[in-house]
Amino acid sequence: MRIFETAARGLRHMHDAEELRCLENVSEGYYQAEQANDQLKKRLLEILPKEGIEIVDKLQENFTEKETLAGEIYYNQGFCDAVKLIVQSLAWEPVRR
């Protein structure tokens, strides 16, 4: 059980809700992407009319929602696969040949 407890503690630390609220502190890649998005948004504000900005914002919202739903689906499938693996591992018996 010590291995399980150690892994669970590590996962809790890695996914600490306080840290994840500010993803820029956790991931350099996320920070860079956020900076690039800010620059693109400023550029769009310079060249597009207000209606164009609203359409781009709506497109971004839809994309984010789609990605969030896909993440939930993948997470749930991964969780189910992990539970199956654990159950199969617990039920496994060595076979003599």
PDB file of N, CA and C in Angstrom:
ATOM      1  N   MET A   1       0.806  -1.204   0.000  1.00  0.00           N
ATOM      2  CA  MET A   1       0.000   0.000   0.000  1.00  0.00           C
ATOM      3  C   MET A   1       0.850   1.270   0.000  1.00  0.00           C
ATOM      4  N   ARG A   2       2.097   1.207   0.412  1.00  0.00           N
ATOM      5  CA  ARG A   2       2.919   2.408   0.443  1.00  0.00           C
ATOM      6  C   ARG A   2       3.114   2.992  -0.957  1.00  0.00           C
ATOM      7  N   ILE A   3       3.206   2.152  -1.965  1.00  0.00           N
ATOM      8  CA  ILE A   3       3.377   2.648  -3.324  1.00  0.00           C
ATOM      9  C   ILE A   3       2.141   3.445  -3.741  1.00  0.00           C
ATOM     10  N   PHE A   4       0.957   2.900  -3.441  1.00  0.00           N
ATOM     11  CA  PHE A   4      -0.286   3.586  -3.789  1.00  0.00           C
ATOM     12  C   PHE A   4      -0.380   4.927  -3.068  1.00  0.00           C
ATOM     13  N   GLU A   5      -0.055   4.934  -1.767  1.00  0.00           N
ATOM     14  CA  GLU A   5      -0.129   6.176  -0.994  1.00  0.00           C
ATOM     15  C   GLU A   5       0.853   7.217  -1.529  1.00  0.00           C
ATOM     16  N   THR A   6       2.041   6.774  -1.882  1.00  0.00           N
ATOM     17  CA  THR A   6       3.038   7.692  -2.437  1.00  0.00           C
ATOM     18  C   THR A   6       2.574   8.273  -3.765  1.00  0.00           C
ATOM     19  N   ALA A   7       2.034   7.412  -4.626  1.00  0.00           N
ATOM     20  CA  ALA A   7       1.542   7.885  -5.921  1.00  0.00           C
ATOM     21  C   ALA A   7       0.384   8.855  -5.734  1.00  0.00           C
ATOM     22  N   ALA A   8      -0.532   8.542  -4.832  1.00  0.00           N
ATOM     23  CA  ALA A   8      -1.688   9.415  -4.588  1.00  0.00           C
ATOM     24  C   ALA A   8      -1.229  10.767  -4.041  1.00  0.00           C
ATOM     25  N   ARG A   9      -0.262  10.759  -3.134  1.00  0.00           N
ATOM     26  CA  ARG A   9       0.255  12.005  -2.580  1.00  0.00           C
ATOM     27  C   ARG A   9       0.911  12.848  -3.685  1.00  0.00           C
ATOM     28  N   GLY A  10       1.677  12.190  -4.544  1.00  0.00           N
ATOM     29  CA  GLY A  10       2.317  12.892  -5.652  1.00  0.00           C
ATOM     30  C   GLY A  10       1.308  13.506  -6.602  1.00  0.00           C
ATOM     31  N   LEU A  11       0.250  12.769  -6.903  1.00  0.00           N
ATOM     32  CA  LEU A  11      -0.792  13.291  -7.789  1.00  0.00           C
ATOM     33  C   LEU A  11      -1.522  14.471  -7.161  1.00  0.00           C
ATOM     34  N   ARG A  12      -1.794  14.373  -5.851  1.00  0.00           N
ATOM     35  CA  ARG A  12      -2.465  15.491  -5.174  1.00  0.00           C
ATOM     36  C   ARG A  12      -1.589  16.739  -5.230  1.00  0.00           C
ATOM     37  N   HIS A  13      -0.304  16.551  -5.019  1.00  0.00           N
ATOM     38  CA  HIS A  13       0.612  17.695  -5.063  1.00  0.00           C
ATOM     39  C   HIS A  13       0.697  18.278  -6.471  1.00  0.00           C
ATOM     40  N   MET A  14       0.779  17.398  -7.467  1.00  0.00           N
ATOM     41  CA  MET A  14       0.902  17.838  -8.852  1.00  0.00           C
ATOM     42  C   MET A  14      -0.353  18.579  -9.318  1.00  0.00           C
ATOM     43  N   HIS A  15      -1.512  18.194  -8.805  1.00  0.00           N
ATOM     44  CA  HIS A  15      -2.779  18.772  -9.236  1.00  0.00           C
ATOM     45  C   HIS A  15      -3.407  19.636  -8.141  1.00  0.00           C
ATOM     46  N   ASP A  16      -2.568  20.282  -7.365  1.00  0.00           N
ATOM     47  CA  ASP A  16      -3.034  21.174  -6.308  1.00  0.00           C
ATOM     48  C   ASP A  16      -3.881  22.290  -6.918  1.00  0.00           C
ATOM     49  N   ALA A  17      -5.103  22.447  -6.451  1.00  0.00           N
ATOM     50  CA  ALA A  17      -6.044  23.407  -7.035  1.00  0.00           C
ATOM     51  C   ALA A  17      -5.502  24.834  -6.977  1.00  0.00           C
ATOM     52  N   GLU A  18      -4.779  25.182  -5.931  1.00  0.00           N
ATOM     53  CA  GLU A  18      -4.238  26.543  -5.830  1.00  0.00           C
ATOM     54  C   GLU A  18      -3.232  26.815  -6.937  1.00  0.00           C
ATOM     55  N   GLU A  19      -2.389  25.841  -7.239  1.00  0.00           N
ATOM     56  CA  GLU A  19      -1.403  26.012  -8.304  1.00  0.00           C
ATOM     57  C   GLU A  19      -2.066  26.077  -9.668  1.00  0.00           C
ATOM     58  N   LEU A  20      -3.087  25.249  -9.889  1.00  0.00           N
ATOM     59  CA  LEU A  20      -3.710  25.178 -11.205  1.00  0.00           C
ATOM     60  C   LEU A  20      -4.541  26.413 -11.527  1.00  0.00           C
ATOM     61  N   ARG A  21      -4.910  27.174 -10.529  1.00  0.00           N
ATOM     62  CA  ARG A  21      -5.675  28.389 -10.810  1.00  0.00           C
ATOM     63  C   ARG A  21      -4.858  29.370 -11.638  1.00  0.00           C
ATOM     64  N   CYS A  22      -3.553  29.358 -11.460  1.00  0.00           N
ATOM     65  CA  CYS A  22      -2.680  30.240 -12.229  1.00  0.00           C
ATOM     66  C   CYS A  22      -1.752  29.348 -13.050  1.00  0.00           C
ATOM     67  N   LEU A  23      -2.231  28.890 -14.192  1.00  0.00           N
ATOM     68  CA  LEU A  23      -1.491  27.927 -14.993  1.00  0.00           C
ATOM     69  C   LEU A  23      -0.166  28.466 -15.501  1.00  0.00           C
ATOM     70  N   GLU A  24      -0.021  29.783 -15.576  1.00  0.00           N
ATOM     71  CA  GLU A  24       1.245  30.357 -16.006  1.00  0.00           C
ATOM     72  C   GLU A  24       2.371  29.975 -15.046  1.00  0.00           C
ATOM     73  N   ASN A  25       2.036  29.742 -13.754  1.00  0.00           N
ATOM     74  CA  ASN A  25       3.048  29.353 -12.769  1.00  0.00           C
ATOM     75  C   ASN A  25       3.440  27.884 -12.904  1.00  0.00           C
ATOM     76  N   VAL A  26       2.633  27.100 -13.588  1.00  0.00           N
ATOM     77  CA  VAL A  26       2.858  25.666 -13.678  1.00  0.00           C
ATOM     78  C   VAL A  26       3.548  25.286 -14.985  1.00  0.00           C
ATOM     79  N   SER A  27       3.238  26.001 -16.058  1.00  0.00           N
ATOM     80  CA  SER A  27       3.708  25.583 -17.373  1.00  0.00           C
ATOM     81  C   SER A  27       4.240  26.758 -18.179  1.00  0.00           C
ATOM     82  N   GLU A  28       5.498  26.677 -18.569  1.00  0.00           N
ATOM     83  CA  GLU A  28       6.082  27.701 -19.429  1.00  0.00           C
ATOM     84  C   GLU A  28       5.359  27.740 -20.777  1.00  0.00           C
ATOM     85  N   GLY A  29       4.993  26.555 -21.298  1.00  0.00           N
ATOM     86  CA  GLY A  29       4.274  26.482 -22.562  1.00  0.00           C
ATOM     87  C   GLY A  29       2.937  27.204 -22.496  1.00  0.00           C
ATOM     88  N   TYR A  30       2.235  27.044 -21.385  1.00  0.00           N
ATOM     89  CA  TYR A  30       0.947  27.726 -21.217  1.00  0.00           C
ATOM     90  C   TYR A  30       1.162  29.228 -21.181  1.00  0.00           C
ATOM     91  N   TYR A  31       2.176  29.659 -20.473  1.00  0.00           N
ATOM     92  CA  TYR A  31       2.492  31.082 -20.371  1.00  0.00           C
ATOM     93  C   TYR A  31       2.785  31.670 -21.751  1.00  0.00           C
ATOM     94  N   GLN A  32       3.607  30.976 -22.530  1.00  0.00           N
ATOM     95  CA  GLN A  32       3.956  31.459 -23.864  1.00  0.00           C
ATOM     96  C   GLN A  32       2.720  31.532 -24.773  1.00  0.00           C
ATOM     97  N   ALA A  33       1.859  30.511 -24.694  1.00  0.00           N
ATOM     98  CA  ALA A  33       0.638  30.506 -25.499  1.00  0.00           C
ATOM     99  C   ALA A  33      -0.280  31.659 -25.098  1.00  0.00           C
ATOM    100  N   GLU A  34      -0.362  31.933 -23.807  1.00  0.00           N
ATOM    101  CA  GLU A  34      -1.194  33.034 -23.317  1.00  0.00           C
ATOM    102  C   GLU A  34      -0.668  34.378 -23.824  1.00  0.00           C
ATOM    103  N   GLN A  35       0.639  34.540 -23.806  1.00  0.00           N
ATOM    104  CA  GLN A  35       1.252  35.774 -24.309  1.00  0.00           C
ATOM    105  C   GLN A  35       0.988  35.943 -25.811  1.00  0.00           C
ATOM    106  N   ALA A  36       1.129  34.851 -26.564  1.00  0.00           N
ATOM    107  CA  ALA A  36       0.872  34.893 -28.006  1.00  0.00           C
ATOM    108  C   ALA A  36      -0.590  35.244 -28.283  1.00  0.00           C
ATOM    109  N   ASN A  37      -1.504  34.685 -27.500  1.00  0.00           N
ATOM    110  CA  ASN A  37      -2.929  35.011 -27.670  1.00  0.00           C
ATOM    111  C   ASN A  37      -3.195  36.490 -27.403  1.00  0.00           C
ATOM    112  N   ASP A  38      -2.553  37.039 -26.378  1.00  0.00           N
ATOM    113  CA  ASP A  38      -2.737  38.454 -26.074  1.00  0.00           C
ATOM    114  C   ASP A  38      -2.270  39.329 -27.233  1.00  0.00           C
ATOM    115  N   GLN A  39      -1.134  38.980 -27.824  1.00  0.00           N
ATOM    116  CA  GLN A  39      -0.612  39.749 -28.956  1.00  0.00           C
ATOM    117  C   GLN A  39      -1.555  39.657 -30.174  1.00  0.00           C
ATOM    118  N   LEU A  40      -2.058  38.444 -30.435  1.00  0.00           N
ATOM    119  CA  LEU A  40      -2.988  38.267 -31.552  1.00  0.00           C
ATOM    120  C   LEU A  40      -4.278  39.057 -31.333  1.00  0.00           C
ATOM    121  N   LYS A  41      -4.765  39.051 -30.114  1.00  0.00           N
ATOM    122  CA  LYS A  41      -6.000  39.788 -29.803  1.00  0.00           C
ATOM    123  C   LYS A  41      -5.792  41.286 -30.035  1.00  0.00           C
ATOM    124  N   LYS A  42      -4.639  41.810 -29.610  1.00  0.00           N
ATOM    125  CA  LYS A  42      -4.350  43.233 -29.834  1.00  0.00           C
ATOM    126  C   LYS A  42      -4.312  43.543 -31.333  1.00  0.00           C
ATOM    127  N   ARG A  43      -3.701  42.657 -32.083  1.00  0.00           N
ATOM    128  CA  ARG A  43      -3.601  42.859 -33.544  1.00  0.00           C
ATOM    129  C   ARG A  43      -4.997  42.826 -34.192  1.00  0.00           C
ATOM    130  N   LEU A  44      -5.822  41.871 -33.760  1.00  0.00           N
ATOM    131  CA  LEU A  44      -7.190  41.790 -34.294  1.00  0.00           C
ATOM    132  C   LEU A  44      -7.992  43.048 -33.969  1.00  0.00           C
ATOM    133  N   LEU A  45      -7.813  43.568 -32.753  1.00  0.00           N
ATOM    134  CA  LEU A  45      -8.525  44.787 -32.369  1.00  0.00           C
ATOM    135  C   LEU A  45      -8.140  45.963 -33.262  1.00  0.00           C
ATOM    136  N   GLU A  46      -6.918  45.932 -33.761  1.00  0.00           N
ATOM    137  CA  GLU A  46      -6.458  47.003 -34.648  1.00  0.00           C
ATOM    138  C   GLU A  46      -7.049  46.894 -36.053  1.00  0.00           C
ATOM    139  N   ILE A  47      -7.251  45.668 -36.539  1.00  0.00           N
ATOM    140  CA  ILE A  47      -7.607  45.521 -37.959  1.00  0.00           C
ATOM    141  C   ILE A  47      -9.056  45.104 -38.227  1.00  0.00           C
ATOM    142  N   LEU A  48      -9.757  44.576 -37.228  1.00  0.00           N
ATOM    143  CA  LEU A  48     -11.130  44.120 -37.460  1.00  0.00           C
ATOM    144  C   LEU A  48     -12.146  45.094 -36.887  1.00  0.00           C
ATOM    145  N   PRO A  49     -13.316  45.167 -37.519  1.00  0.00           N
ATOM    146  CA  PRO A  49     -14.400  45.951 -36.916  1.00  0.00           C
ATOM    147  C   PRO A  49     -14.953  45.201 -35.689  1.00  0.00           C
ATOM    148  N   LYS A  50     -15.748  45.886 -34.903  1.00  0.00           N
ATOM    149  CA  LYS A  50     -16.290  45.313 -33.661  1.00  0.00           C
ATOM    150  C   LYS A  50     -17.047  44.004 -33.925  1.00  0.00           C
ATOM    151  N   GLU A  51     -17.818  43.953 -34.996  1.00  0.00           N
ATOM    152  CA  GLU A  51     -18.574  42.737 -35.327  1.00  0.00           C
ATOM    153  C   GLU A  51     -17.626  41.558 -35.585  1.00  0.00           C
ATOM    154  N   GLY A  52     -16.512  41.823 -36.254  1.00  0.00           N
ATOM    155  CA  GLY A  52     -15.530  40.770 -36.512  1.00  0.00           C
ATOM    156  C   GLY A  52     -14.920  40.240 -35.224  1.00  0.00           C
ATOM    157  N   ILE A  53     -14.649  41.143 -34.277  1.00  0.00           N
ATOM    158  CA  ILE A  53     -14.096  40.738 -32.978  1.00  0.00           C
ATOM    159  C   ILE A  53     -15.095  39.858 -32.239  1.00  0.00           C
ATOM    160  N   GLU A  54     -16.371  40.215 -32.283  1.00  0.00           N
ATOM    161  CA  GLU A  54     -17.402  39.415 -31.613  1.00  0.00           C
ATOM    162  C   GLU A  54     -17.475  38.009 -32.200  1.00  0.00           C
ATOM    163  N   ILE A  55     -17.353  37.906 -33.517  1.00  0.00           N
ATOM    164  CA  ILE A  55     -17.383  36.583 -34.164  1.00  0.00           C
ATOM    165  C   ILE A  55     -16.172  35.755 -33.749  1.00  0.00           C
ATOM    166  N   VAL A  56     -15.002  36.383 -33.732  1.00  0.00           N
ATOM    167  CA  VAL A  56     -13.785  35.665 -33.325  1.00  0.00           C
ATOM    168  C   VAL A  56     -13.897  35.220 -31.866  1.00  0.00           C
ATOM    169  N   ASP A  57     -14.423  36.096 -31.002  1.00  0.00           N
ATOM    170  CA  ASP A  57     -14.603  35.724 -29.591  1.00  0.00           C
ATOM    171  C   ASP A  57     -15.550  34.530 -29.441  1.00  0.00           C
ATOM    172  N   LYS A  58     -16.639  34.541 -30.196  1.00  0.00           N
ATOM    173  CA  LYS A  58     -17.610  33.436 -30.141  1.00  0.00           C
ATOM    174  C   LYS A  58     -16.963  32.143 -30.651  1.00  0.00           C
ATOM    175  N   LEU A  59     -16.182  32.248 -31.715  1.00  0.00           N
ATOM    176  CA  LEU A  59     -15.476  31.083 -32.246  1.00  0.00           C
ATOM    177  C   LEU A  59     -14.530  30.511 -31.199  1.00  0.00           C
ATOM    178  N   GLN A  60     -13.815  31.390 -30.494  1.00  0.00           N
ATOM    179  CA  GLN A  60     -12.910  30.940 -29.446  1.00  0.00           C
ATOM    180  C   GLN A  60     -13.667  30.267 -28.307  1.00  0.00           C
ATOM    181  N   GLU A  61     -14.793  30.831 -27.909  1.00  0.00           N
ATOM    182  CA  GLU A  61     -15.611  30.228 -26.852  1.00  0.00           C
ATOM    183  C   GLU A  61     -16.079  28.832 -27.253  1.00  0.00           C
ATOM    184  N   ASN A  62     -16.545  28.691 -28.497  1.00  0.00           N
ATOM    185  CA  ASN A  62     -17.005  27.386 -28.979  1.00  0.00           C
ATOM    186  C   ASN A  62     -15.870  26.379 -29.014  1.00  0.00           C
ATOM    187  N   PHE A  63     -14.700  26.810 -29.474  1.00  0.00           N
ATOM    188  CA  PHE A  63     -13.546  25.916 -29.518  1.00  0.00           C
ATOM    189  C   PHE A  63     -13.153  25.463 -28.114  1.00  0.00           C
ATOM    190  N   THR A  64     -13.127  26.398 -27.181  1.00  0.00           N
ATOM    191  CA  THR A  64     -12.769  26.064 -25.795  1.00  0.00           C
ATOM    192  C   THR A  64     -13.766  25.085 -25.193  1.00  0.00           C
ATOM    193  N   GLU A  65     -15.052  25.302 -25.441  1.00  0.00           N
ATOM    194  CA  GLU A  65     -16.073  24.386 -24.930  1.00  0.00           C
ATOM    195  C   GLU A  65     -15.895  22.984 -25.507  1.00  0.00           C
ATOM    196  N   LYS A  66     -15.627  22.924 -26.802  1.00  0.00           N
ATOM    197  CA  LYS A  66     -15.413  21.629 -27.461  1.00  0.00           C
ATOM    198  C   LYS A  66     -14.189  20.913 -26.873  1.00  0.00           C
ATOM    199  N   GLU A  67     -13.111  21.632 -26.662  1.00  0.00           N
ATOM    200  CA  GLU A  67     -11.900  21.041 -26.097  1.00  0.00           C
ATOM    201  C   GLU A  67     -12.121  20.579 -24.653  1.00  0.00           C
ATOM    202  N   THR A  68     -12.892  21.346 -23.895  1.00  0.00           N
ATOM    203  CA  THR A  68     -13.202  20.968 -22.516  1.00  0.00           C
ATOM    204  C   THR A  68     -14.015  19.678 -22.483  1.00  0.00           C
ATOM    205  N   LEU A  69     -15.006  19.585 -23.344  1.00  0.00           N
ATOM    206  CA  LEU A  69     -15.823  18.366 -23.408  1.00  0.00           C
ATOM    207  C   LEU A  69     -14.988  17.167 -23.839  1.00  0.00           C
ATOM    208  N   ALA A  70     -14.102  17.364 -24.812  1.00  0.00           N
ATOM    209  CA  ALA A  70     -13.232  16.266 -25.255  1.00  0.00           C
ATOM    210  C   ALA A  70     -12.323  15.825 -24.110  1.00  0.00           C
ATOM    211  N   GLY A  71     -11.794  16.784 -23.351  1.00  0.00           N
ATOM    212  CA  GLY A  71     -10.948  16.449 -22.201  1.00  0.00           C
ATOM    213  C   GLY A  71     -11.696  15.626 -21.172  1.00  0.00           C
ATOM    214  N   GLU A  72     -12.945  15.972 -20.915  1.00  0.00           N
ATOM    215  CA  GLU A  72     -13.756  15.209 -19.966  1.00  0.00           C
ATOM    216  C   GLU A  72     -13.982  13.781 -20.463  1.00  0.00           C
ATOM    217  N   ILE A  73     -14.250  13.645 -21.756  1.00  0.00           N
ATOM    218  CA  ILE A  73     -14.458  12.309 -22.334  1.00  0.00           C
ATOM    219  C   ILE A  73     -13.194  11.477 -22.193  1.00  0.00           C
ATOM    220  N   TYR A  74     -12.036  12.061 -22.557  1.00  0.00           N
ATOM    221  CA  TYR A  74     -10.767  11.331 -22.452  1.00  0.00           C
ATOM    222  C   TYR A  74     -10.437  10.980 -21.007  1.00  0.00           C
ATOM    223  N   TYR A  75     -10.698  11.907 -20.083  1.00  0.00           N
ATOM    224  CA  TYR A  75     -10.436  11.660 -18.670  1.00  0.00           C
ATOM    225  C   TYR A  75     -11.293  10.501 -18.165  1.00  0.00           C
ATOM    226  N   ASN A  76     -12.585  10.538 -18.492  1.00  0.00           N
ATOM    227  CA  ASN A  76     -13.484   9.463 -18.044  1.00  0.00           C
ATOM    228  C   ASN A  76     -13.067   8.114 -18.625  1.00  0.00           C
ATOM    229  N   GLN A  77     -12.674   8.093 -19.908  1.00  0.00           N
ATOM    230  CA  GLN A  77     -12.237   6.840 -20.522  1.00  0.00           C
ATOM    231  C   GLN A  77     -10.962   6.340 -19.858  1.00  0.00           C
ATOM    232  N   GLY A  78     -10.037   7.245 -19.586  1.00  0.00           N
ATOM    233  CA  GLY A  78      -8.796   6.858 -18.910  1.00  0.00           C
ATOM    234  C   GLY A  78      -9.066   6.320 -17.515  1.00  0.00           C
ATOM    235  N   PHE A  79     -10.002   6.938 -16.797  1.00  0.00           N
ATOM    236  CA  PHE A  79     -10.349   6.473 -15.463  1.00  0.00           C
ATOM    237  C   PHE A  79     -10.936   5.062 -15.534  1.00  0.00           C
ATOM    238  N   CYS A  80     -11.848   4.843 -16.490  1.00  0.00           N
ATOM    239  CA  CYS A  80     -12.450   3.513 -16.653  1.00  0.00           C
ATOM    240  C   CYS A  80     -11.376   2.475 -16.986  1.00  0.00           C
ATOM    241  N   ASP A  81     -10.452   2.837 -17.870  1.00  0.00           N
ATOM    242  CA  ASP A  81      -9.377   1.916 -18.240  1.00  0.00           C
ATOM    243  C   ASP A  81      -8.494   1.595 -17.031  1.00  0.00           C
ATOM    244  N   ALA A  82      -8.222   2.599 -16.207  1.00  0.00           N
ATOM    245  CA  ALA A  82      -7.395   2.374 -15.018  1.00  0.00           C
ATOM    246  C   ALA A  82      -8.094   1.445 -14.029  1.00  0.00           C
ATOM    247  N   VAL A  83      -9.392   1.649 -13.820  1.00  0.00           N
ATOM    248  CA  VAL A  83     -10.139   0.779 -12.903  1.00  0.00           C
ATOM    249  C   VAL A  83     -10.144  -0.653 -13.431  1.00  0.00           C
ATOM    250  N   LYS A  84     -10.343  -0.817 -14.740  1.00  0.00           N
ATOM    251  CA  LYS A  84     -10.302  -2.153 -15.344  1.00  0.00           C
ATOM    252  C   LYS A  84      -8.955  -2.820 -15.115  1.00  0.00           C
ATOM    253  N   LEU A  85      -7.883  -2.060 -15.324  1.00  0.00           N
ATOM    254  CA  LEU A  85      -6.536  -2.594 -15.131  1.00  0.00           C
ATOM    255  C   LEU A  85      -6.318  -3.013 -13.683  1.00  0.00           C
ATOM    256  N   ILE A  86      -6.769  -2.192 -12.744  1.00  0.00           N
ATOM    257  CA  ILE A  86      -6.613  -2.530 -11.325  1.00  0.00           C
ATOM    258  C   ILE A  86      -7.387  -3.797 -10.990  1.00  0.00           C
ATOM    259  N   VAL A  87      -8.632  -3.886 -11.446  1.00  0.00           N
ATOM    260  CA  VAL A  87      -9.458  -5.071 -11.163  1.00  0.00           C
ATOM    261  C   VAL A  87      -8.841  -6.312 -11.792  1.00  0.00           C
ATOM    262  N   GLN A  88      -8.384  -6.191 -13.040  1.00  0.00           N
ATOM    263  CA  GLN A  88      -7.758  -7.341 -13.695  1.00  0.00           C
ATOM    264  C   GLN A  88      -6.466  -7.742 -12.993  1.00  0.00           C
ATOM    265  N   SER A  89      -5.710  -6.759 -12.513  1.00  0.00           N
ATOM    266  CA  SER A  89      -4.469  -7.056 -11.804  1.00  0.00           C
ATOM    267  C   SER A  89      -4.743  -7.771 -10.488  1.00  0.00           C
ATOM    268  N   LEU A  90      -5.793  -7.348  -9.796  1.00  0.00           N
ATOM    269  CA  LEU A  90      -6.133  -7.985  -8.519  1.00  0.00           C
ATOM    270  C   LEU A  90      -6.638  -9.416  -8.728  1.00  0.00           C
ATOM    271  N   ALA A  91      -7.302  -9.651  -9.868  1.00  0.00           N
ATOM    272  CA  ALA A  91      -7.855 -10.974 -10.139  1.00  0.00           C
ATOM    273  C   ALA A  91      -6.856 -11.891 -10.851  1.00  0.00           C
ATOM    274  N   TRP A  92      -5.724 -11.367 -11.248  1.00  0.00           N
ATOM    275  CA  TRP A  92      -4.753 -12.127 -12.025  1.00  0.00           C
ATOM    276  C   TRP A  92      -4.109 -13.218 -11.167  1.00  0.00           C
ATOM    277  N   GLU A  93      -3.969 -14.386 -11.767  1.00  0.00           N
ATOM    278  CA  GLU A  93      -3.270 -15.488 -11.126  1.00  0.00           C
ATOM    279  C   GLU A  93      -2.227 -16.005 -12.083  1.00  0.00           C
ATOM    280  N   PRO A  94      -1.039 -16.330 -11.584  1.00  0.00           N
ATOM    281  CA  PRO A  94      -0.022 -16.861 -12.484  1.00  0.00           C
ATOM    282  C   PRO A  94      -0.464 -18.198 -13.081  1.00  0.00           C
ATOM    283  N   VAL A  95      -0.101 -18.420 -14.323  1.00  0.00           N
ATOM    284  CA  VAL A  95      -0.451 -19.649 -15.018  1.00  0.00           C
ATOM    285  C   VAL A  95       0.812 -20.457 -15.210  1.00  0.00           C
ATOM    286  N   ARG A  96       0.768 -21.715 -14.840  1.00  0.00           N
ATOM    287  CA  ARG A  96       1.914 -22.586 -15.012  1.00  0.00           C
ATOM    288  C   ARG A  96       1.847 -23.224 -16.376  1.00  0.00           C
ATOM    289  N   ARG A  97       2.953 -23.242 -17.075  1.00  0.00           N
ATOM    290  CA  ARG A  97       2.985 -23.875 -18.395  1.00  0.00           C
ATOM    291  C   ARG A  97       3.894 -25.070 -18.374  1.00  0.00           C
TER     292      ARG A  97
END
